[in-house]
Amino acid sequence: MPDALTEKKIADFRQKICDTAVRQLAEHGIDNLSMRSLAKELGYSATALYSYFRNKDDILAAARTEAFNRLADATETA
């Protein structure tokens, strides 16, 4: 029987998806970023990612939000 998905496991995998998306964007550009390319690198099917995000735009929005939060934290610290 597979392990139950906890809130932490869900959050951790969402983070992994976002991190992978940011890296792929930096390396290959937005035109080459797709649910399929993310899933392939993560070792999942593309449909599995839709359990965590509605679509690619949701992933990009989450990644942007995280980047802005890191910038805000760094600015506040400075």
N, C-alpha and C. Protein backbone atom coordinates (compact mmCIF):
# COMPACT_ATOMS: atom_id res chain seq x y z
N MET A 1 0.84 -1.18 0.00
CA MET A 1 0.00 0.00 0.00
C MET A 1 0.89 1.25 0.00
N PRO A 2 0.63 2.22 -0.90
CA PRO A 2 1.45 3.42 -0.96
C PRO A 2 1.24 4.31 0.27
N ASP A 3 2.26 5.10 0.57
CA ASP A 3 2.16 6.03 1.69
C ASP A 3 1.06 7.05 1.42
N ALA A 4 0.39 7.46 2.48
CA ALA A 4 -0.65 8.49 2.36
C ALA A 4 0.02 9.83 2.05
N LEU A 5 -0.66 10.62 1.24
CA LEU A 5 -0.15 11.95 0.93
C LEU A 5 -0.49 12.89 2.09
N THR A 6 0.53 13.41 2.71
CA THR A 6 0.33 14.38 3.78
C THR A 6 0.44 15.79 3.18
N GLU A 7 0.02 16.77 3.93
CA GLU A 7 0.16 18.17 3.48
C GLU A 7 1.62 18.49 3.17
N LYS A 8 2.52 17.98 4.00
CA LYS A 8 3.94 18.23 3.79
C LYS A 8 4.44 17.59 2.50
N LYS A 9 4.04 16.36 2.24
CA LYS A 9 4.46 15.68 1.01
C LYS A 9 3.93 16.41 -0.22
N ILE A 10 2.70 16.88 -0.13
CA ILE A 10 2.11 17.64 -1.25
C ILE A 10 2.88 18.94 -1.46
N ALA A 11 3.13 19.66 -0.38
CA ALA A 11 3.88 20.92 -0.47
C ALA A 11 5.29 20.68 -1.00
N ASP A 12 5.94 19.63 -0.54
CA ASP A 12 7.30 19.32 -0.99
C ASP A 12 7.32 19.00 -2.48
N PHE A 13 6.34 18.23 -2.95
CA PHE A 13 6.34 17.90 -4.38
C PHE A 13 5.97 19.11 -5.23
N ARG A 14 5.06 19.94 -4.74
CA ARG A 14 4.75 21.19 -5.47
C ARG A 14 6.01 22.04 -5.59
N GLN A 15 6.80 22.08 -4.52
CA GLN A 15 8.05 22.84 -4.54
C GLN A 15 9.02 22.24 -5.56
N LYS A 16 9.09 20.94 -5.59
CA LYS A 16 9.99 20.26 -6.55
C LYS A 16 9.56 20.56 -7.98
N ILE A 17 8.27 20.59 -8.24
CA ILE A 17 7.76 20.93 -9.56
C ILE A 17 8.16 22.36 -9.92
N CYS A 18 7.97 23.28 -8.99
CA CYS A 18 8.33 24.68 -9.24
C CYS A 18 9.82 24.84 -9.49
N ASP A 19 10.63 24.19 -8.68
CA ASP A 19 12.08 24.28 -8.85
C ASP A 19 12.51 23.75 -10.22
N THR A 20 11.90 22.66 -10.63
CA THR A 20 12.21 22.09 -11.94
C THR A 20 11.77 23.03 -13.05
N ALA A 21 10.61 23.64 -12.89
CA ALA A 21 10.12 24.59 -13.90
C ALA A 21 11.05 25.79 -14.03
N VAL A 22 11.49 26.33 -12.91
CA VAL A 22 12.39 27.49 -12.95
C VAL A 22 13.70 27.12 -13.65
N ARG A 23 14.23 25.96 -13.33
CA ARG A 23 15.47 25.54 -13.98
C ARG A 23 15.29 25.34 -15.47
N GLN A 24 14.18 24.67 -15.85
CA GLN A 24 13.93 24.47 -17.28
C GLN A 24 13.73 25.79 -18.01
N LEU A 25 13.05 26.73 -17.37
CA LEU A 25 12.87 28.06 -17.97
C LEU A 25 14.23 28.71 -18.23
N ALA A 26 15.09 28.66 -17.24
CA ALA A 26 16.41 29.28 -17.37
C ALA A 26 17.24 28.62 -18.46
N GLU A 27 17.12 27.31 -18.58
CA GLU A 27 17.94 26.57 -19.54
C GLU A 27 17.37 26.57 -20.96
N HIS A 28 16.04 26.50 -21.07
CA HIS A 28 15.44 26.26 -22.38
C HIS A 28 14.43 27.30 -22.83
N GLY A 29 14.03 28.21 -21.95
CA GLY A 29 13.06 29.23 -22.31
C GLY A 29 11.62 28.76 -22.15
N ILE A 30 10.72 29.73 -22.13
CA ILE A 30 9.32 29.43 -21.86
C ILE A 30 8.67 28.61 -22.96
N ASP A 31 9.12 28.77 -24.19
CA ASP A 31 8.52 28.01 -25.29
C ASP A 31 8.76 26.52 -25.19
N ASN A 32 9.79 26.12 -24.46
CA ASN A 32 10.10 24.70 -24.33
C ASN A 32 9.68 24.11 -22.99
N LEU A 33 9.01 24.91 -22.18
CA LEU A 33 8.51 24.42 -20.90
C LEU A 33 7.10 23.87 -21.11
N SER A 34 6.90 22.64 -20.69
CA SER A 34 5.57 22.02 -20.82
C SER A 34 5.35 21.08 -19.65
N MET A 35 4.10 20.73 -19.43
CA MET A 35 3.80 19.76 -18.39
C MET A 35 4.52 18.45 -18.70
N ARG A 36 4.59 18.13 -19.97
CA ARG A 36 5.25 16.89 -20.38
C ARG A 36 6.75 16.91 -20.07
N SER A 37 7.41 18.04 -20.36
CA SER A 37 8.85 18.11 -20.09
C SER A 37 9.13 18.09 -18.59
N LEU A 38 8.27 18.74 -17.81
CA LEU A 38 8.43 18.69 -16.36
C LEU A 38 8.24 17.27 -15.84
N ALA A 39 7.17 16.65 -16.28
CA ALA A 39 6.87 15.29 -15.82
C ALA A 39 7.98 14.32 -16.18
N LYS A 40 8.50 14.45 -17.38
CA LYS A 40 9.57 13.55 -17.82
C LYS A 40 10.78 13.67 -16.90
N GLU A 41 11.17 14.89 -16.61
CA GLU A 41 12.34 15.09 -15.75
C GLU A 41 12.08 14.60 -14.32
N LEU A 42 10.86 14.76 -13.86
CA LEU A 42 10.52 14.35 -12.50
C LEU A 42 10.23 12.86 -12.38
N GLY A 43 10.09 12.20 -13.52
CA GLY A 43 9.83 10.77 -13.50
C GLY A 43 8.37 10.41 -13.26
N TYR A 44 7.47 11.29 -13.65
CA TYR A 44 6.03 11.08 -13.50
C TYR A 44 5.36 11.25 -14.84
N SER A 45 4.09 10.88 -14.90
CA SER A 45 3.32 11.16 -16.12
C SER A 45 2.85 12.61 -16.04
N ALA A 46 2.60 13.19 -17.20
CA ALA A 46 2.12 14.57 -17.23
C ALA A 46 0.80 14.70 -16.48
N THR A 47 -0.05 13.70 -16.58
CA THR A 47 -1.35 13.80 -15.90
C THR A 47 -1.18 13.81 -14.39
N ALA A 48 -0.13 13.22 -13.86
CA ALA A 48 0.10 13.24 -12.41
C ALA A 48 0.31 14.66 -11.90
N LEU A 49 0.94 15.50 -12.71
CA LEU A 49 1.20 16.88 -12.28
C LEU A 49 -0.08 17.67 -12.11
N TYR A 50 -1.12 17.29 -12.85
CA TYR A 50 -2.39 17.99 -12.74
C TYR A 50 -3.08 17.74 -11.40
N SER A 51 -2.58 16.82 -10.62
CA SER A 51 -3.08 16.62 -9.25
C SER A 51 -2.54 17.70 -8.31
N TYR A 52 -1.48 18.38 -8.74
CA TYR A 52 -0.82 19.38 -7.91
C TYR A 52 -1.03 20.81 -8.42
N PHE A 53 -1.19 20.95 -9.72
CA PHE A 53 -1.42 22.25 -10.35
C PHE A 53 -2.43 22.10 -11.47
N ARG A 54 -3.26 23.14 -11.69
CA ARG A 54 -4.26 23.06 -12.76
C ARG A 54 -3.62 23.01 -14.14
N ASN A 55 -2.52 23.79 -14.30
CA ASN A 55 -1.87 23.87 -15.61
C ASN A 55 -0.50 24.52 -15.47
N LYS A 56 0.16 24.72 -16.57
CA LYS A 56 1.49 25.31 -16.57
C LYS A 56 1.46 26.72 -16.00
N ASP A 57 0.43 27.48 -16.31
CA ASP A 57 0.33 28.84 -15.79
C ASP A 57 0.28 28.86 -14.26
N ASP A 58 -0.38 27.90 -13.66
CA ASP A 58 -0.42 27.81 -12.20
C ASP A 58 0.97 27.53 -11.63
N ILE A 59 1.73 26.70 -12.32
CA ILE A 59 3.09 26.42 -11.87
C ILE A 59 3.93 27.70 -11.95
N LEU A 60 3.80 28.41 -13.06
CA LEU A 60 4.56 29.65 -13.22
C LEU A 60 4.15 30.69 -12.18
N ALA A 61 2.86 30.77 -11.87
CA ALA A 61 2.38 31.70 -10.85
C ALA A 61 2.96 31.35 -9.48
N ALA A 62 3.00 30.07 -9.16
CA ALA A 62 3.56 29.64 -7.87
C ALA A 62 5.06 29.95 -7.81
N ALA A 63 5.75 29.74 -8.91
CA ALA A 63 7.19 30.02 -8.96
C ALA A 63 7.44 31.52 -8.82
N ARG A 64 6.62 32.34 -9.48
CA ARG A 64 6.76 33.80 -9.36
C ARG A 64 6.50 34.26 -7.92
N THR A 65 5.45 33.72 -7.32
CA THR A 65 5.13 34.08 -5.94
C THR A 65 6.28 33.75 -5.01
N GLU A 66 6.85 32.58 -5.18
CA GLU A 66 8.00 32.19 -4.35
C GLU A 66 9.18 33.13 -4.57
N ALA A 67 9.44 33.49 -5.81
CA ALA A 67 10.56 34.39 -6.12
C ALA A 67 10.33 35.77 -5.48
N PHE A 68 9.11 36.29 -5.56
CA PHE A 68 8.81 37.57 -4.95
C PHE A 68 8.94 37.50 -3.43
N ASN A 69 8.51 36.39 -2.84
CA ASN A 69 8.65 36.23 -1.39
C ASN A 69 10.11 36.19 -0.96
N ARG A 70 10.95 35.51 -1.74
CA ARG A 70 12.38 35.48 -1.43
C ARG A 70 13.00 36.87 -1.57
N LEU A 71 12.58 37.61 -2.60
CA LEU A 71 13.07 38.98 -2.79
C LEU A 71 12.64 39.86 -1.62
N ALA A 72 11.39 39.73 -1.21
CA ALA A 72 10.89 40.53 -0.09
C ALA A 72 11.67 40.21 1.19
N ASP A 73 11.92 38.93 1.43
CA ASP A 73 12.69 38.53 2.61
C ASP A 73 14.11 39.09 2.57
N ALA A 74 14.73 39.01 1.41
CA ALA A 74 16.09 39.51 1.27
C ALA A 74 16.13 41.02 1.44
N THR A 75 15.14 41.71 0.90
CA THR A 75 15.07 43.16 1.03
C THR A 75 14.86 43.56 2.48
N GLU A 76 13.97 42.84 3.16
CA GLU A 76 13.70 43.12 4.56
C GLU A 76 14.94 42.88 5.42
N THR A 77 15.65 41.81 5.11
CA THR A 77 16.86 41.48 5.85
C THR A 77 17.94 42.54 5.65
N ALA A 78 18.04 43.04 4.43
CA ALA A 78 19.05 44.06 4.11
C ALA A 78 18.68 45.36 4.80
